[in-house]
Amino acid sequence: MTQVRQLPEDATGTWELAADPSIVAGIRRQVADRLTSWGLDHLVFTTEMIVSELVTNAIRYGGAPVGLRLIRDQRLICEASDPRQTQPHLRRARRSALTYRPGCLM
């Protein structure tokens, strides 16, 4: 069973963005302003970093339009969308060729 409740209109922030990397700084400012208006100043820095990464990746790999949505409920939810239908692939970090180990350079 699911219980659905409607959030107040001012509990969400929604943006539709062009696939242009130059917009990322501007959307970060808009997100910071929205969080400040919600009294969530302590989340601005972290959310700006998350938004920057999500929007940049959506622009780079998905194309336009890029959707961004913040939802203020019991938790802050940050969603990004793009028009591609493919699912993201989990990738693991590779060991760097410059990793230092005593006695050798890998």
PDB file of N, CA and C in Angstrom:
ATOM      1  N   MET A   1       0.840  -1.148   0.000  1.00  0.00           N
ATOM      2  CA  MET A   1       0.000   0.000   0.000  1.00  0.00           C
ATOM      3  C   MET A   1       0.903   1.233   0.000  1.00  0.00           C
ATOM      4  N   THR A   2       0.499   2.239  -0.700  1.00  0.00           N
ATOM      5  CA  THR A   2       1.249   3.478  -0.794  1.00  0.00           C
ATOM      6  C   THR A   2       0.392   4.622  -0.300  1.00  0.00           C
ATOM      7  N   GLN A   3       1.021   5.471   0.473  1.00  0.00           N
ATOM      8  CA  GLN A   3       0.333   6.676   0.928  1.00  0.00           C
ATOM      9  C   GLN A   3       0.994   7.860   0.231  1.00  0.00           C
ATOM     10  N   VAL A   4       0.226   8.594  -0.516  1.00  0.00           N
ATOM     11  CA  VAL A   4       0.742   9.734  -1.261  1.00  0.00           C
ATOM     12  C   VAL A   4       0.224  11.010  -0.619  1.00  0.00           C
ATOM     13  N   ARG A   5       1.138  11.959  -0.444  1.00  0.00           N
ATOM     14  CA  ARG A   5       0.707  13.257   0.055  1.00  0.00           C
ATOM     15  C   ARG A   5       1.324  14.329  -0.838  1.00  0.00           C
ATOM     16  N   GLN A   6       0.628  15.386  -0.983  1.00  0.00           N
ATOM     17  CA  GLN A   6       1.080  16.468  -1.844  1.00  0.00           C
ATOM     18  C   GLN A   6       1.969  17.408  -1.047  1.00  0.00           C
ATOM     19  N   LEU A   7       3.093  17.782  -1.672  1.00  0.00           N
ATOM     20  CA  LEU A   7       3.997  18.748  -1.055  1.00  0.00           C
ATOM     21  C   LEU A   7       3.512  20.158  -1.353  1.00  0.00           C
ATOM     22  N   PRO A   8       3.809  21.090  -0.487  1.00  0.00           N
ATOM     23  CA  PRO A   8       3.481  22.485  -0.789  1.00  0.00           C
ATOM     24  C   PRO A   8       4.190  22.932  -2.071  1.00  0.00           C
ATOM     25  N   GLU A   9       3.598  23.851  -2.785  1.00  0.00           N
ATOM     26  CA  GLU A   9       4.146  24.306  -4.070  1.00  0.00           C
ATOM     27  C   GLU A   9       5.559  24.862  -3.917  1.00  0.00           C
ATOM     28  N   ASP A  10       5.840  25.511  -2.801  1.00  0.00           N
ATOM     29  CA  ASP A  10       7.168  26.100  -2.616  1.00  0.00           C
ATOM     30  C   ASP A  10       8.213  25.102  -2.105  1.00  0.00           C
ATOM     31  N   ALA A  11       7.866  23.820  -2.043  1.00  0.00           N
ATOM     32  CA  ALA A  11       8.794  22.792  -1.567  1.00  0.00           C
ATOM     33  C   ALA A  11       9.594  22.154  -2.699  1.00  0.00           C
ATOM     34  N   THR A  12       9.421  22.637  -3.902  1.00  0.00           N
ATOM     35  CA  THR A  12      10.193  22.101  -5.021  1.00  0.00           C
ATOM     36  C   THR A  12      10.792  23.244  -5.834  1.00  0.00           C
ATOM     37  N   GLY A  13      11.903  22.952  -6.430  1.00  0.00           N
ATOM     38  CA  GLY A  13      12.528  23.855  -7.393  1.00  0.00           C
ATOM     39  C   GLY A  13      12.766  23.069  -8.657  1.00  0.00           C
ATOM     40  N   THR A  14      12.311  23.557  -9.779  1.00  0.00           N
ATOM     41  CA  THR A  14      12.418  22.829 -11.041  1.00  0.00           C
ATOM     42  C   THR A  14      13.003  23.734 -12.109  1.00  0.00           C
ATOM     43  N   TRP A  15      13.985  23.200 -12.833  1.00  0.00           N
ATOM     44  CA  TRP A  15      14.626  23.941 -13.910  1.00  0.00           C
ATOM     45  C   TRP A  15      14.751  23.046 -15.130  1.00  0.00           C
ATOM     46  N   GLU A  16      14.545  23.611 -16.312  1.00  0.00           N
ATOM     47  CA  GLU A  16      14.837  22.933 -17.577  1.00  0.00           C
ATOM     48  C   GLU A  16      15.984  23.702 -18.217  1.00  0.00           C
ATOM     49  N   LEU A  17      17.066  22.993 -18.509  1.00  0.00           N
ATOM     50  CA  LEU A  17      18.310  23.635 -18.897  1.00  0.00           C
ATOM     51  C   LEU A  17      18.741  23.228 -20.301  1.00  0.00           C
ATOM     52  N   ALA A  18      19.423  24.142 -20.963  1.00  0.00           N
ATOM     53  CA  ALA A  18      20.026  23.845 -22.265  1.00  0.00           C
ATOM     54  C   ALA A  18      21.282  23.003 -22.041  1.00  0.00           C
ATOM     55  N   ALA A  19      21.694  22.295 -23.063  1.00  0.00           N
ATOM     56  CA  ALA A  19      22.907  21.477 -22.981  1.00  0.00           C
ATOM     57  C   ALA A  19      24.126  22.345 -23.269  1.00  0.00           C
ATOM     58  N   ASP A  20      24.381  23.277 -22.393  1.00  0.00           N
ATOM     59  CA  ASP A  20      25.480  24.227 -22.560  1.00  0.00           C
ATOM     60  C   ASP A  20      26.258  24.298 -21.249  1.00  0.00           C
ATOM     61  N   PRO A  21      27.516  23.864 -21.249  1.00  0.00           N
ATOM     62  CA  PRO A  21      28.294  23.855 -20.009  1.00  0.00           C
ATOM     63  C   PRO A  21      28.425  25.219 -19.343  1.00  0.00           C
ATOM     64  N   SER A  22      28.256  26.289 -20.078  1.00  0.00           N
ATOM     65  CA  SER A  22      28.398  27.618 -19.481  1.00  0.00           C
ATOM     66  C   SER A  22      27.264  27.951 -18.507  1.00  0.00           C
ATOM     67  N   ILE A  23      26.197  27.182 -18.484  1.00  0.00           N
ATOM     68  CA  ILE A  23      25.072  27.459 -17.587  1.00  0.00           C
ATOM     69  C   ILE A  23      25.259  26.893 -16.188  1.00  0.00           C
ATOM     70  N   VAL A  24      26.272  26.035 -16.015  1.00  0.00           N
ATOM     71  CA  VAL A  24      26.419  25.324 -14.738  1.00  0.00           C
ATOM     72  C   VAL A  24      26.624  26.290 -13.572  1.00  0.00           C
ATOM     73  N   ALA A  25      27.465  27.288 -13.734  1.00  0.00           N
ATOM     74  CA  ALA A  25      27.692  28.245 -12.642  1.00  0.00           C
ATOM     75  C   ALA A  25      26.404  28.975 -12.270  1.00  0.00           C
ATOM     76  N   GLY A  26      25.622  29.348 -13.260  1.00  0.00           N
ATOM     77  CA  GLY A  26      24.369  30.049 -12.998  1.00  0.00           C
ATOM     78  C   GLY A  26      23.357  29.189 -12.267  1.00  0.00           C
ATOM     79  N   ILE A  27      23.267  27.921 -12.630  1.00  0.00           N
ATOM     80  CA  ILE A  27      22.298  27.046 -11.962  1.00  0.00           C
ATOM     81  C   ILE A  27      22.740  26.762 -10.529  1.00  0.00           C
ATOM     82  N   ARG A  28      24.046  26.718 -10.305  1.00  0.00           N
ATOM     83  CA  ARG A  28      24.531  26.558  -8.933  1.00  0.00           C
ATOM     84  C   ARG A  28      24.094  27.748  -8.076  1.00  0.00           C
ATOM     85  N   ARG A  29      24.170  28.950  -8.613  1.00  0.00           N
ATOM     86  CA  ARG A  29      23.724  30.134  -7.869  1.00  0.00           C
ATOM     87  C   ARG A  29      22.226  30.068  -7.585  1.00  0.00           C
ATOM     88  N   GLN A  30      21.449  29.628  -8.569  1.00  0.00           N
ATOM     89  CA  GLN A  30      20.002  29.528  -8.372  1.00  0.00           C
ATOM     90  C   GLN A  30      19.660  28.488  -7.300  1.00  0.00           C
ATOM     91  N   VAL A  31      20.379  27.379  -7.312  1.00  0.00           N
ATOM     92  CA  VAL A  31      20.166  26.346  -6.300  1.00  0.00           C
ATOM     93  C   VAL A  31      20.528  26.897  -4.918  1.00  0.00           C
ATOM     94  N   ALA A  32      21.647  27.599  -4.821  1.00  0.00           N
ATOM     95  CA  ALA A  32      22.051  28.197  -3.536  1.00  0.00           C
ATOM     96  C   ALA A  32      20.981  29.167  -3.033  1.00  0.00           C
ATOM     97  N   ASP A  33      20.449  29.981  -3.935  1.00  0.00           N
ATOM     98  CA  ASP A  33      19.388  30.923  -3.547  1.00  0.00           C
ATOM     99  C   ASP A  33      18.158  30.187  -3.034  1.00  0.00           C
ATOM    100  N   ARG A  34      17.792  29.111  -3.721  1.00  0.00           N
ATOM    101  CA  ARG A  34      16.604  28.342  -3.297  1.00  0.00           C
ATOM    102  C   ARG A  34      16.830  27.725  -1.923  1.00  0.00           C
ATOM    103  N   LEU A  35      18.000  27.127  -1.715  1.00  0.00           N
ATOM    104  CA  LEU A  35      18.285  26.520  -0.412  1.00  0.00           C
ATOM    105  C   LEU A  35      18.279  27.566   0.699  1.00  0.00           C
ATOM    106  N   THR A  36      18.829  28.729   0.420  1.00  0.00           N
ATOM    107  CA  THR A  36      18.836  29.809   1.401  1.00  0.00           C
ATOM    108  C   THR A  36      17.412  30.237   1.744  1.00  0.00           C
ATOM    109  N   SER A  37      16.567  30.326   0.735  1.00  0.00           N
ATOM    110  CA  SER A  37      15.171  30.712   0.986  1.00  0.00           C
ATOM    111  C   SER A  37      14.435  29.658   1.810  1.00  0.00           C
ATOM    112  N   TRP A  38      14.892  28.413   1.735  1.00  0.00           N
ATOM    113  CA  TRP A  38      14.305  27.332   2.526  1.00  0.00           C
ATOM    114  C   TRP A  38      14.934  27.222   3.916  1.00  0.00           C
ATOM    115  N   GLY A  39      15.933  28.045   4.202  1.00  0.00           N
ATOM    116  CA  GLY A  39      16.619  27.956   5.488  1.00  0.00           C
ATOM    117  C   GLY A  39      17.596  26.795   5.570  1.00  0.00           C
ATOM    118  N   LEU A  40      18.071  26.347   4.430  1.00  0.00           N
ATOM    119  CA  LEU A  40      18.996  25.215   4.376  1.00  0.00           C
ATOM    120  C   LEU A  40      20.406  25.671   3.989  1.00  0.00           C
ATOM    121  N   ASP A  41      20.839  26.769   4.568  1.00  0.00           N
ATOM    122  CA  ASP A  41      22.156  27.326   4.261  1.00  0.00           C
ATOM    123  C   ASP A  41      23.279  26.309   4.468  1.00  0.00           C
ATOM    124  N   HIS A  42      23.141  25.458   5.462  1.00  0.00           N
ATOM    125  CA  HIS A  42      24.182  24.480   5.771  1.00  0.00           C
ATOM    126  C   HIS A  42      24.348  23.424   4.669  1.00  0.00           C
ATOM    127  N   LEU A  43      23.414  23.337   3.744  1.00  0.00           N
ATOM    128  CA  LEU A  43      23.502  22.356   2.653  1.00  0.00           C
ATOM    129  C   LEU A  43      23.947  22.972   1.327  1.00  0.00           C
ATOM    130  N   VAL A  44      24.189  24.282   1.299  1.00  0.00           N
ATOM    131  CA  VAL A  44      24.486  24.956   0.032  1.00  0.00           C
ATOM    132  C   VAL A  44      25.734  24.404  -0.634  1.00  0.00           C
ATOM    133  N   PHE A  45      26.854  24.354   0.065  1.00  0.00           N
ATOM    134  CA  PHE A  45      28.106  23.941  -0.564  1.00  0.00           C
ATOM    135  C   PHE A  45      28.008  22.526  -1.147  1.00  0.00           C
ATOM    136  N   THR A  46      27.534  21.587  -0.345  1.00  0.00           N
ATOM    137  CA  THR A  46      27.433  20.195  -0.797  1.00  0.00           C
ATOM    138  C   THR A  46      26.470  20.061  -1.960  1.00  0.00           C
ATOM    139  N   THR A  47      25.335  20.713  -1.878  1.00  0.00           N
ATOM    140  CA  THR A  47      24.338  20.613  -2.945  1.00  0.00           C
ATOM    141  C   THR A  47      24.839  21.256  -4.225  1.00  0.00           C
ATOM    142  N   GLU A  48      25.574  22.374  -4.113  1.00  0.00           N
ATOM    143  CA  GLU A  48      26.159  22.987  -5.306  1.00  0.00           C
ATOM    144  C   GLU A  48      27.103  22.014  -6.013  1.00  0.00           C
ATOM    145  N   MET A  49      27.906  21.299  -5.251  1.00  0.00           N
ATOM    146  CA  MET A  49      28.837  20.332  -5.846  1.00  0.00           C
ATOM    147  C   MET A  49      28.081  19.192  -6.536  1.00  0.00           C
ATOM    148  N   ILE A  50      27.050  18.695  -5.886  1.00  0.00           N
ATOM    149  CA  ILE A  50      26.249  17.611  -6.460  1.00  0.00           C
ATOM    150  C   ILE A  50      25.556  18.085  -7.732  1.00  0.00           C
ATOM    151  N   VAL A  51      24.941  19.256  -7.673  1.00  0.00           N
ATOM    152  CA  VAL A  51      24.254  19.812  -8.848  1.00  0.00           C
ATOM    153  C   VAL A  51      25.240  20.010  -9.994  1.00  0.00           C
ATOM    154  N   SER A  52      26.398  20.549  -9.690  1.00  0.00           N
ATOM    155  CA  SER A  52      27.405  20.781 -10.713  1.00  0.00           C
ATOM    156  C   SER A  52      27.778  19.479 -11.419  1.00  0.00           C
ATOM    157  N   GLU A  53      28.007  18.436 -10.646  1.00  0.00           N
ATOM    158  CA  GLU A  53      28.374  17.138 -11.215  1.00  0.00           C
ATOM    159  C   GLU A  53      27.226  16.533 -12.021  1.00  0.00           C
ATOM    160  N   LEU A  54      26.032  16.539 -11.462  1.00  0.00           N
ATOM    161  CA  LEU A  54      24.883  15.943 -12.155  1.00  0.00           C
ATOM    162  C   LEU A  54      24.566  16.673 -13.463  1.00  0.00           C
ATOM    163  N   VAL A  55      24.532  17.992 -13.416  1.00  0.00           N
ATOM    164  CA  VAL A  55      24.191  18.765 -14.611  1.00  0.00           C
ATOM    165  C   VAL A  55      25.284  18.638 -15.667  1.00  0.00           C
ATOM    166  N   THR A  56      26.545  18.710 -15.252  1.00  0.00           N
ATOM    167  CA  THR A  56      27.638  18.564 -16.213  1.00  0.00           C
ATOM    168  C   THR A  56      27.600  17.206 -16.894  1.00  0.00           C
ATOM    169  N   ASN A  57      27.382  16.147 -16.126  1.00  0.00           N
ATOM    170  CA  ASN A  57      27.302  14.812 -16.718  1.00  0.00           C
ATOM    171  C   ASN A  57      26.094  14.673 -17.638  1.00  0.00           C
ATOM    172  N   ALA A  58      24.967  15.233 -17.243  1.00  0.00           N
ATOM    173  CA  ALA A  58      23.776  15.168 -18.097  1.00  0.00           C
ATOM    174  C   ALA A  58      24.006  15.910 -19.406  1.00  0.00           C
ATOM    175  N   ILE A  59      24.684  17.049 -19.346  1.00  0.00           N
ATOM    176  CA  ILE A  59      24.997  17.798 -20.569  1.00  0.00           C
ATOM    177  C   ILE A  59      25.955  16.997 -21.435  1.00  0.00           C
ATOM    178  N   ARG A  60      27.001  16.477 -20.824  1.00  0.00           N
ATOM    179  CA  ARG A  60      28.040  15.764 -21.571  1.00  0.00           C
ATOM    180  C   ARG A  60      27.520  14.477 -22.198  1.00  0.00           C
ATOM    181  N   TYR A  61      26.733  13.711 -21.473  1.00  0.00           N
ATOM    182  CA  TYR A  61      26.348  12.384 -21.942  1.00  0.00           C
ATOM    183  C   TYR A  61      24.892  12.257 -22.369  1.00  0.00           C
ATOM    184  N   GLY A  62      24.062  13.237 -22.062  1.00  0.00           N
ATOM    185  CA  GLY A  62      22.648  13.075 -22.343  1.00  0.00           C
ATOM    186  C   GLY A  62      22.068  14.037 -23.338  1.00  0.00           C
ATOM    187  N   GLY A  63      22.560  15.257 -23.383  1.00  0.00           N
ATOM    188  CA  GLY A  63      21.998  16.246 -24.300  1.00  0.00           C
ATOM    189  C   GLY A  63      20.852  17.012 -23.688  1.00  0.00           C
ATOM    190  N   ALA A  64      20.242  17.836 -24.514  1.00  0.00           N
ATOM    191  CA  ALA A  64      19.167  18.728 -24.048  1.00  0.00           C
ATOM    192  C   ALA A  64      17.808  18.098 -24.267  1.00  0.00           C
ATOM    193  N   PRO A  65      16.837  18.478 -23.515  1.00  0.00           N
ATOM    194  CA  PRO A  65      16.927  19.362 -22.360  1.00  0.00           C
ATOM    195  C   PRO A  65      17.357  18.581 -21.121  1.00  0.00           C
ATOM    196  N   VAL A  66      18.064  19.258 -20.237  1.00  0.00           N
ATOM    197  CA  VAL A  66      18.454  18.684 -18.952  1.00  0.00           C
ATOM    198  C   VAL A  66      17.465  19.195 -17.926  1.00  0.00           C
ATOM    199  N   GLY A  67      16.927  18.288 -17.153  1.00  0.00           N
ATOM    200  CA  GLY A  67      16.009  18.672 -16.084  1.00  0.00           C
ATOM    201  C   GLY A  67      16.708  18.613 -14.743  1.00  0.00           C
ATOM    202  N   LEU A  68      16.417  19.555 -13.885  1.00  0.00           N
ATOM    203  CA  LEU A  68      16.948  19.554 -12.529  1.00  0.00           C
ATOM    204  C   LEU A  68      15.797  19.854 -11.586  1.00  0.00           C
ATOM    205  N   ARG A  69      15.720  19.066 -10.523  1.00  0.00           N
ATOM    206  CA  ARG A  69      14.651  19.283  -9.559  1.00  0.00           C
ATOM    207  C   ARG A  69      15.177  19.085  -8.146  1.00  0.00           C
ATOM    208  N   LEU A  70      14.855  20.018  -7.276  1.00  0.00           N
ATOM    209  CA  LEU A  70      15.110  19.898  -5.844  1.00  0.00           C
ATOM    210  C   LEU A  70      13.780  19.717  -5.145  1.00  0.00           C
ATOM    211  N   ILE A  71      13.733  18.793  -4.229  1.00  0.00           N
ATOM    212  CA  ILE A  71      12.515  18.534  -3.470  1.00  0.00           C
ATOM    213  C   ILE A  71      12.863  18.623  -1.987  1.00  0.00           C
ATOM    214  N   ARG A  72      12.211  19.525  -1.295  1.00  0.00           N
ATOM    215  CA  ARG A  72      12.414  19.694   0.144  1.00  0.00           C
ATOM    216  C   ARG A  72      11.280  19.003   0.867  1.00  0.00           C
ATOM    217  N   ASP A  73      11.615  17.899   1.509  1.00  0.00           N
ATOM    218  CA  ASP A  73      10.653  17.148   2.305  1.00  0.00           C
ATOM    219  C   ASP A  73      11.360  16.809   3.611  1.00  0.00           C
ATOM    220  N   GLN A  74      11.216  15.605   4.099  1.00  0.00           N
ATOM    221  CA  GLN A  74      11.955  15.210   5.291  1.00  0.00           C
ATOM    222  C   GLN A  74      13.455  15.160   4.995  1.00  0.00           C
ATOM    223  N   ARG A  75      13.799  14.971   3.719  1.00  0.00           N
ATOM    224  CA  ARG A  75      15.165  15.018   3.223  1.00  0.00           C
ATOM    225  C   ARG A  75      15.177  15.913   1.998  1.00  0.00           C
ATOM    226  N   LEU A  76      16.351  16.412   1.663  1.00  0.00           N
ATOM    227  CA  LEU A  76      16.499  17.168   0.427  1.00  0.00           C
ATOM    228  C   LEU A  76      16.824  16.170  -0.678  1.00  0.00           C
ATOM    229  N   ILE A  77      16.047  16.185  -1.744  1.00  0.00           N
ATOM    230  CA  ILE A  77      16.256  15.286  -2.881  1.00  0.00           C
ATOM    231  C   ILE A  77      16.670  16.126  -4.071  1.00  0.00           C
ATOM    232  N   CYS A  78      17.701  15.684  -4.749  1.00  0.00           N
ATOM    233  CA  CYS A  78      18.209  16.375  -5.920  1.00  0.00           C
ATOM    234  C   CYS A  78      18.145  15.404  -7.094  1.00  0.00           C
ATOM    235  N   GLU A  79      17.388  15.749  -8.124  1.00  0.00           N
ATOM    236  CA  GLU A  79      17.204  14.880  -9.290  1.00  0.00           C
ATOM    237  C   GLU A  79      17.669  15.596 -10.547  1.00  0.00           C
ATOM    238  N   ALA A  80      18.340  14.863 -11.410  1.00  0.00           N
ATOM    239  CA  ALA A  80      18.697  15.384 -12.725  1.00  0.00           C
ATOM    240  C   ALA A  80      18.202  14.387 -13.758  1.00  0.00           C
ATOM    241  N   SER A  81      17.782  14.896 -14.903  1.00  0.00           N
ATOM    242  CA  SER A  81      17.287  14.015 -15.968  1.00  0.00           C
ATOM    243  C   SER A  81      17.790  14.529 -17.309  1.00  0.00           C
ATOM    244  N   ASP A  82      17.840  13.619 -18.255  1.00  0.00           N
ATOM    245  CA  ASP A  82      18.184  13.975 -19.635  1.00  0.00           C
ATOM    246  C   ASP A  82      17.357  13.087 -20.550  1.00  0.00           C
ATOM    247  N   PRO A  83      17.340  13.366 -21.849  1.00  0.00           N
ATOM    248  CA  PRO A  83      16.449  12.638 -22.746  1.00  0.00           C
ATOM    249  C   PRO A  83      16.905  11.223 -23.120  1.00  0.00           C
ATOM    250  N   ARG A  84      18.118  10.835 -22.788  1.00  0.00           N
ATOM    251  CA  ARG A  84      18.596   9.499 -23.175  1.00  0.00           C
ATOM    252  C   ARG A  84      17.843   8.423 -22.421  1.00  0.00           C
ATOM    253  N   GLN A  85      17.655   7.300 -23.080  1.00  0.00           N
ATOM    254  CA  GLN A  85      16.929   6.187 -22.483  1.00  0.00           C
ATOM    255  C   GLN A  85      17.852   5.131 -21.883  1.00  0.00           C
ATOM    256  N   THR A  86      19.161   5.287 -22.012  1.00  0.00           N
ATOM    257  CA  THR A  86      20.091   4.288 -21.497  1.00  0.00           C
ATOM    258  C   THR A  86      20.286   4.459 -19.996  1.00  0.00           C
ATOM    259  N   GLN A  87      20.560   3.349 -19.357  1.00  0.00           N
ATOM    260  CA  GLN A  87      20.811   3.358 -17.919  1.00  0.00           C
ATOM    261  C   GLN A  87      22.288   3.647 -17.663  1.00  0.00           C
ATOM    262  N   PRO A  88      22.617   4.313 -16.566  1.00  0.00           N
ATOM    263  CA  PRO A  88      24.027   4.549 -16.254  1.00  0.00           C
ATOM    264  C   PRO A  88      24.738   3.236 -15.936  1.00  0.00           C
ATOM    265  N   HIS A  89      26.018   3.196 -16.220  1.00  0.00           N
ATOM    266  CA  HIS A  89      26.833   2.018 -15.940  1.00  0.00           C
ATOM    267  C   HIS A  89      27.746   2.306 -14.758  1.00  0.00           C
ATOM    268  N   LEU A  90      27.758   1.394 -13.806  1.00  0.00           N
ATOM    269  CA  LEU A  90      28.631   1.525 -12.660  1.00  0.00           C
ATOM    270  C   LEU A  90      30.061   1.268 -13.110  1.00  0.00           C
ATOM    271  N   ARG A  91      30.951   2.155 -12.766  1.00  0.00           N
ATOM    272  CA  ARG A  91      32.361   1.995 -13.104  1.00  0.00           C
ATOM    273  C   ARG A  91      33.175   2.036 -11.829  1.00  0.00           C
ATOM    274  N   ARG A  92      34.223   1.266 -11.828  1.00  0.00           N
ATOM    275  CA  ARG A  92      35.125   1.240 -10.684  1.00  0.00           C
ATOM    276  C   ARG A  92      36.389   2.017 -11.029  1.00  0.00           C
ATOM    277  N   ALA A  93      36.923   2.713 -10.061  1.00  0.00           N
ATOM    278  CA  ALA A  93      38.154   3.471 -10.273  1.00  0.00           C
ATOM    279  C   ALA A  93      39.308   2.499 -10.528  1.00  0.00           C
ATOM    280  N   ARG A  94      40.150   2.863 -11.493  1.00  0.00           N
ATOM    281  CA  ARG A  94      41.341   2.059 -11.773  1.00  0.00           C
ATOM    282  C   ARG A  94      42.491   2.570 -10.928  1.00  0.00           C
ATOM    283  N   ARG A  95      43.431   1.683 -10.702  1.00  0.00           N
ATOM    284  CA  ARG A  95      44.633   2.107  -9.996  1.00  0.00           C
ATOM    285  C   ARG A  95      45.424   3.016 -10.912  1.00  0.00           C
ATOM    286  N   SER A  96      45.899   4.074 -10.359  1.00  0.00           N
ATOM    287  CA  SER A  96      46.666   5.043 -11.126  1.00  0.00           C
ATOM    288  C   SER A  96      48.021   4.468 -11.507  1.00  0.00           C
ATOM    289  N   ALA A  97      48.490   4.834 -12.692  1.00  0.00           N
ATOM    290  CA  ALA A  97      49.812   4.393 -13.134  1.00  0.00           C
ATOM    291  C   ALA A  97      50.907   5.051 -12.298  1.00  0.00           C
ATOM    292  N   LEU A  98      50.558   6.075 -11.544  1.00  0.00           N
ATOM    293  CA  LEU A  98      51.552   6.783 -10.752  1.00  0.00           C
ATOM    294  C   LEU A  98      51.457   6.442  -9.263  1.00  0.00           C
ATOM    295  N   THR A  99      50.790   5.337  -8.940  1.00  0.00           N
ATOM    296  CA  THR A  99      50.673   4.924  -7.548  1.00  0.00           C
ATOM    297  C   THR A  99      52.054   4.564  -7.008  1.00  0.00           C
ATOM    298  N   TYR A 100      52.398   5.110  -5.869  1.00  0.00           N
ATOM    299  CA  TYR A 100      53.716   4.847  -5.276  1.00  0.00           C
ATOM    300  C   TYR A 100      53.602   3.722  -4.263  1.00  0.00           C
ATOM    301  N   ARG A 101      54.481   2.777  -4.409  1.00  0.00           N
ATOM    302  CA  ARG A 101      54.640   1.744  -3.412  1.00  0.00           C
ATOM    303  C   ARG A 101      56.121   1.693  -3.061  1.00  0.00           C
ATOM    304  N   PRO A 102      56.456   1.508  -1.810  1.00  0.00           N
ATOM    305  CA  PRO A 102      57.866   1.457  -1.448  1.00  0.00           C
ATOM    306  C   PRO A 102      58.613   0.440  -2.318  1.00  0.00           C
ATOM    307  N   GLY A 103      59.668   0.886  -2.916  1.00  0.00           N
ATOM    308  CA  GLY A 103      60.505  -0.011  -3.706  1.00  0.00           C
ATOM    309  C   GLY A 103      60.131  -0.089  -5.175  1.00  0.00           C
ATOM    310  N   CYS A 104      58.993   0.485  -5.587  1.00  0.00           N
ATOM    311  CA  CYS A 104      58.638   0.391  -7.005  1.00  0.00           C
ATOM    312  C   CYS A 104      57.699   1.521  -7.388  1.00  0.00           C
ATOM    313  N   LEU A 105      57.654   1.786  -8.647  1.00  0.00           N
ATOM    314  CA  LEU A 105      56.715   2.758  -9.212  1.00  0.00           C
ATOM    315  C   LEU A 105      55.850   1.993 -10.181  1.00  0.00           C
ATOM    316  N   MET A 106      54.565   1.920  -9.931  1.00  0.00           N
ATOM    317  CA  MET A 106      53.675   1.135 -10.792  1.00  0.00           C
ATOM    318  C   MET A 106      53.114   1.989 -11.883  1.00  0.00           C
TER     319      MET A 106
END
